[in-house]
Amino acid sequence: MKMVDFLKKITTNIYVRNVLLMLILAVILIAITLFCLNKYTRHNESIEVPDLKGLQVQDAASIIASSSLRYEVVDSVYNQDGVPGAIVEQIPLGKSHVKEGRTIYLTVQAKSEQLVSMPDLEDASLRQAEALLKALGFSRINIEKVPSQYQDLVFGVAYRGVTVKAGQKIPKNSVLTLRVGDGGVSADSTEIDTTTTEIY
């Protein structure tokens, strides 16, 4: 009997009733929010991403569209053995699961090798020239020592045996040869011939 009176007293207290009402409303709001969020994110509803590697973009486009997905070509790379226009990378990866309407980001094989303008390297140090060429993407650099009183001073850069002038464009994956002084010629020795030949 005392417990009934106690509960009755609590439930008739306006402050207790307000607290209980707020708790009930909070629970209802949380339940509604979770329900709406589940509907909005389409929880447990996903699409398997098709594996597009090796396909041409135009062929992959129809496959992507039939899967209710979208695509965007974001980058291109050049590989000597690659097939021009073929997809080499995709994000998300094939066989992964995503929501309907997700964008698939593609990297494709470039049709031709990227050309880079040769900087002016004459009279630069070997270290400076190598750093600049590597920053431009040239990774295959040979060193050819030429007679000079100035050790490691760059006299020119050659591509396929021909001196390249500043501003000329050559393929990014080219093998370059830096012609640098060996420091073994005295100051009164005959200067070397640094005449350049243009590439046509």
Protein backbone atom coordinates (compact mmCIF):
# COMPACT_ATOMS: atom_id res chain seq x y z
CA MET A 1 0.00 0.00 0.00
CA LYS A 2 2.85 2.32 0.84
CA MET A 3 4.45 1.61 -2.55
CA VAL A 4 1.21 2.50 -4.36
CA ASP A 5 0.94 5.74 -2.43
CA PHE A 6 4.57 6.52 -3.19
CA LEU A 7 4.12 5.92 -6.93
CA LYS A 8 0.91 7.92 -6.94
CA LYS A 9 2.64 10.77 -5.19
CA ILE A 10 5.48 10.74 -7.70
CA THR A 11 3.25 10.58 -10.75
CA THR A 12 1.09 13.43 -9.54
CA ASN A 13 4.15 15.63 -8.99
CA ILE A 14 4.27 18.15 -11.83
CA TYR A 15 8.09 18.15 -11.97
CA VAL A 16 8.28 14.37 -12.17
CA ARG A 17 5.61 14.29 -14.87
CA ASN A 18 7.51 16.86 -16.93
CA VAL A 19 10.73 14.86 -16.65
CA LEU A 20 8.96 11.66 -17.68
CA LEU A 21 7.28 13.46 -20.58
CA MET A 22 10.64 14.80 -21.81
CA LEU A 23 12.16 11.33 -21.63
CA ILE A 24 9.29 9.84 -23.63
CA LEU A 25 9.57 12.61 -26.24
CA ALA A 26 13.35 12.09 -26.47
CA VAL A 27 12.92 8.37 -27.08
CA ILE A 28 10.29 9.06 -29.76
CA LEU A 29 12.52 11.64 -31.49
CA ILE A 30 15.52 9.31 -31.46
CA ALA A 31 13.43 6.50 -32.94
CA ILE A 32 12.10 8.78 -35.70
CA THR A 33 15.61 10.07 -36.47
CA LEU A 34 17.05 6.56 -36.75
CA PHE A 35 14.18 5.48 -38.96
CA CYS A 36 14.61 8.46 -41.31
CA LEU A 37 18.39 8.03 -41.38
CA ASN A 38 18.02 4.38 -42.27
CA LYS A 39 15.70 5.29 -45.14
CA TYR A 40 17.95 8.13 -46.35
CA THR A 41 21.14 6.05 -46.39
CA ARG A 42 19.30 3.01 -47.76
CA HIS A 43 20.88 0.78 -45.16
CA ASN A 44 21.51 -2.79 -46.36
CA GLU A 45 20.89 -1.68 -49.95
CA SER A 46 24.08 -1.80 -52.03
CA ILE A 47 25.33 -2.47 -55.57
CA GLU A 48 28.39 -4.50 -56.51
CA VAL A 49 30.92 -2.41 -58.43
CA PRO A 50 31.84 -4.05 -61.76
CA ASP A 51 35.52 -4.77 -62.43
CA LEU A 52 36.41 -2.35 -65.23
CA LYS A 53 40.18 -2.78 -65.51
CA GLY A 54 41.33 -3.38 -69.07
CA LEU A 55 38.11 -2.12 -70.65
CA GLN A 56 37.87 0.90 -72.91
CA VAL A 57 36.02 3.81 -71.33
CA GLN A 58 33.19 3.71 -73.88
CA ASP A 59 32.62 0.01 -73.17
CA ALA A 60 32.75 0.53 -69.41
CA ALA A 61 30.27 3.43 -69.64
CA SER A 62 27.36 1.17 -70.63
CA ILE A 63 28.21 -1.32 -67.88
CA ILE A 64 28.34 1.44 -65.29
CA ALA A 65 25.05 2.92 -66.46
CA SER A 66 23.28 -0.46 -66.30
CA SER A 67 24.49 -0.78 -62.68
CA SER A 68 22.86 2.56 -61.74
CA LEU A 69 26.30 4.05 -61.10
CA ARG A 70 28.21 6.98 -62.56
CA TYR A 71 31.83 7.42 -63.63
CA GLU A 72 34.43 10.13 -64.00
CA VAL A 73 37.88 9.96 -65.63
CA VAL A 74 40.17 11.72 -63.17
CA ASP A 75 43.66 10.89 -64.44
CA SER A 76 45.70 9.34 -67.25
CA VAL A 77 49.03 7.55 -67.15
CA TYR A 78 51.39 6.33 -69.83
CA ASN A 79 52.77 2.80 -69.93
CA GLN A 80 54.77 1.70 -72.92
CA ASP A 81 53.09 -1.72 -72.91
CA GLY A 82 49.60 -0.42 -72.12
CA VAL A 83 46.59 -0.26 -74.43
CA PRO A 84 45.66 3.37 -75.23
CA GLY A 85 42.32 4.34 -73.70
CA ALA A 86 42.10 1.28 -71.43
CA ILE A 87 41.16 1.63 -67.77
CA VAL A 88 44.14 0.89 -65.51
CA GLU A 89 42.73 1.85 -62.10
CA GLN A 90 39.32 2.41 -60.54
CA ILE A 91 38.03 3.68 -57.19
CA PRO A 92 36.11 1.99 -55.58
CA LEU A 93 37.67 -1.32 -56.61
CA GLY A 94 35.75 -3.94 -58.56
CA LYS A 95 33.58 -6.34 -56.53
CA SER A 96 33.20 -3.83 -53.69
CA HIS A 97 29.71 -2.71 -52.63
CA VAL A 98 28.43 0.87 -52.83
CA LYS A 99 25.17 2.78 -52.81
CA GLU A 100 23.16 3.38 -55.97
CA GLY A 101 24.30 6.47 -57.87
CA ARG A 102 27.89 6.34 -56.56
CA THR A 103 30.58 7.79 -58.86
CA ILE A 104 33.37 5.45 -59.99
CA TYR A 105 36.66 7.32 -60.51
CA LEU A 106 38.77 6.00 -63.39
CA THR A 107 42.42 6.28 -64.42
CA VAL A 108 43.05 5.47 -68.08
CA GLN A 109 46.04 4.68 -70.26
CA ALA A 110 47.17 7.79 -72.14
CA LYS A 111 47.30 7.50 -75.93
CA SER A 112 50.70 9.15 -76.14
CA GLU A 113 53.55 9.81 -73.77
CA GLN A 114 53.49 13.14 -71.96
CA LEU A 115 55.93 15.74 -73.30
CA VAL A 116 57.91 17.97 -70.95
CA SER A 117 59.75 21.19 -71.76
CA MET A 118 63.46 20.94 -71.05
CA PRO A 119 64.65 23.56 -68.54
CA ASP A 120 67.83 25.58 -69.00
CA LEU A 121 70.46 23.47 -67.24
CA GLU A 122 73.62 24.96 -68.73
CA ASP A 123 76.06 26.16 -66.04
CA ALA A 124 74.00 24.51 -63.29
CA SER A 125 75.60 22.09 -60.85
CA LEU A 126 75.11 18.36 -61.33
CA ARG A 127 73.11 18.15 -58.11
CA GLN A 128 70.80 21.02 -59.14
CA ALA A 129 70.27 19.59 -62.62
CA GLU A 130 69.43 16.09 -61.35
CA ALA A 131 67.00 17.46 -58.75
CA LEU A 132 65.21 19.61 -61.33
CA LEU A 133 64.94 16.81 -63.89
CA LYS A 134 63.60 14.36 -61.30
CA ALA A 135 61.05 16.95 -60.16
CA LEU A 136 59.83 17.14 -63.77
CA GLY A 137 59.39 13.36 -63.88
CA PHE A 138 62.62 12.24 -65.57
CA SER A 139 63.89 9.22 -63.66
CA ARG A 140 66.47 7.76 -66.07
CA ILE A 141 69.49 10.06 -66.09
CA ASN A 142 72.99 9.12 -67.20
CA ILE A 143 76.13 11.13 -66.49
CA GLU A 144 78.79 11.77 -69.14
CA LYS A 145 82.02 13.39 -68.03
CA VAL A 146 83.60 15.87 -70.43
CA PRO A 147 87.00 17.62 -70.17
CA SER A 148 86.67 20.82 -68.13
CA GLN A 149 88.38 22.64 -65.30
CA TYR A 150 84.98 22.91 -63.58
CA GLN A 151 84.01 19.70 -61.82
CA ASP A 152 80.32 18.68 -62.02
CA LEU A 153 79.34 21.81 -63.95
CA VAL A 154 76.58 21.02 -66.47
CA PHE A 155 77.46 21.84 -70.10
CA GLY A 156 74.31 20.39 -71.61
CA VAL A 157 71.79 17.55 -71.68
CA ALA A 158 71.41 15.05 -74.50
CA TYR A 159 68.52 12.89 -75.68
CA ARG A 160 69.35 10.04 -78.06
CA GLY A 161 72.82 11.49 -78.54
CA VAL A 162 71.59 14.94 -79.56
CA THR A 163 71.93 18.00 -77.33
CA VAL A 164 68.56 19.32 -76.18
CA LYS A 165 68.03 23.07 -76.02
CA ALA A 166 66.07 24.79 -73.24
CA GLY A 167 62.35 24.85 -74.07
CA GLN A 168 62.38 21.80 -76.35
CA LYS A 169 59.75 19.19 -75.49
CA ILE A 170 60.73 15.56 -75.09
CA PRO A 171 58.88 12.47 -73.77
CA LYS A 172 58.71 12.31 -69.99
CA ASN A 173 60.01 8.74 -69.86
CA SER A 174 63.14 9.53 -71.91
CA VAL A 175 66.67 8.49 -71.03
CA LEU A 176 68.71 11.68 -70.64
CA THR A 177 72.46 12.18 -70.54
CA LEU A 178 73.90 15.05 -68.52
CA ARG A 179 77.24 16.27 -69.83
CA VAL A 180 79.22 17.55 -66.86
CA GLY A 181 82.78 18.72 -66.33
CA ASP A 182 85.31 16.27 -64.91
CA GLY A 183 87.46 18.96 -63.24
CA GLY A 184 90.62 17.54 -64.76
CA VAL A 185 91.51 20.28 -67.27
CA SER A 186 93.55 23.30 -66.25
CA ALA A 187 92.28 26.85 -66.73
CA ASP A 188 94.57 27.53 -69.73
CA SER A 189 93.41 24.43 -71.61
CA THR A 190 91.35 24.69 -74.75
CA GLU A 191 87.64 25.12 -74.06
CA ILE A 192 85.35 22.30 -75.14
CA ASP A 193 82.89 22.73 -78.00
CA THR A 194 79.40 23.12 -76.56
CA THR A 195 77.64 23.78 -79.87
CA THR A 196 74.12 22.40 -79.74
CA THR A 197 72.18 20.65 -82.45
CA GLU A 198 68.42 21.12 -82.66
CA ILE A 199 66.04 18.15 -82.80
CA TYR A 200 63.60 18.26 -85.68
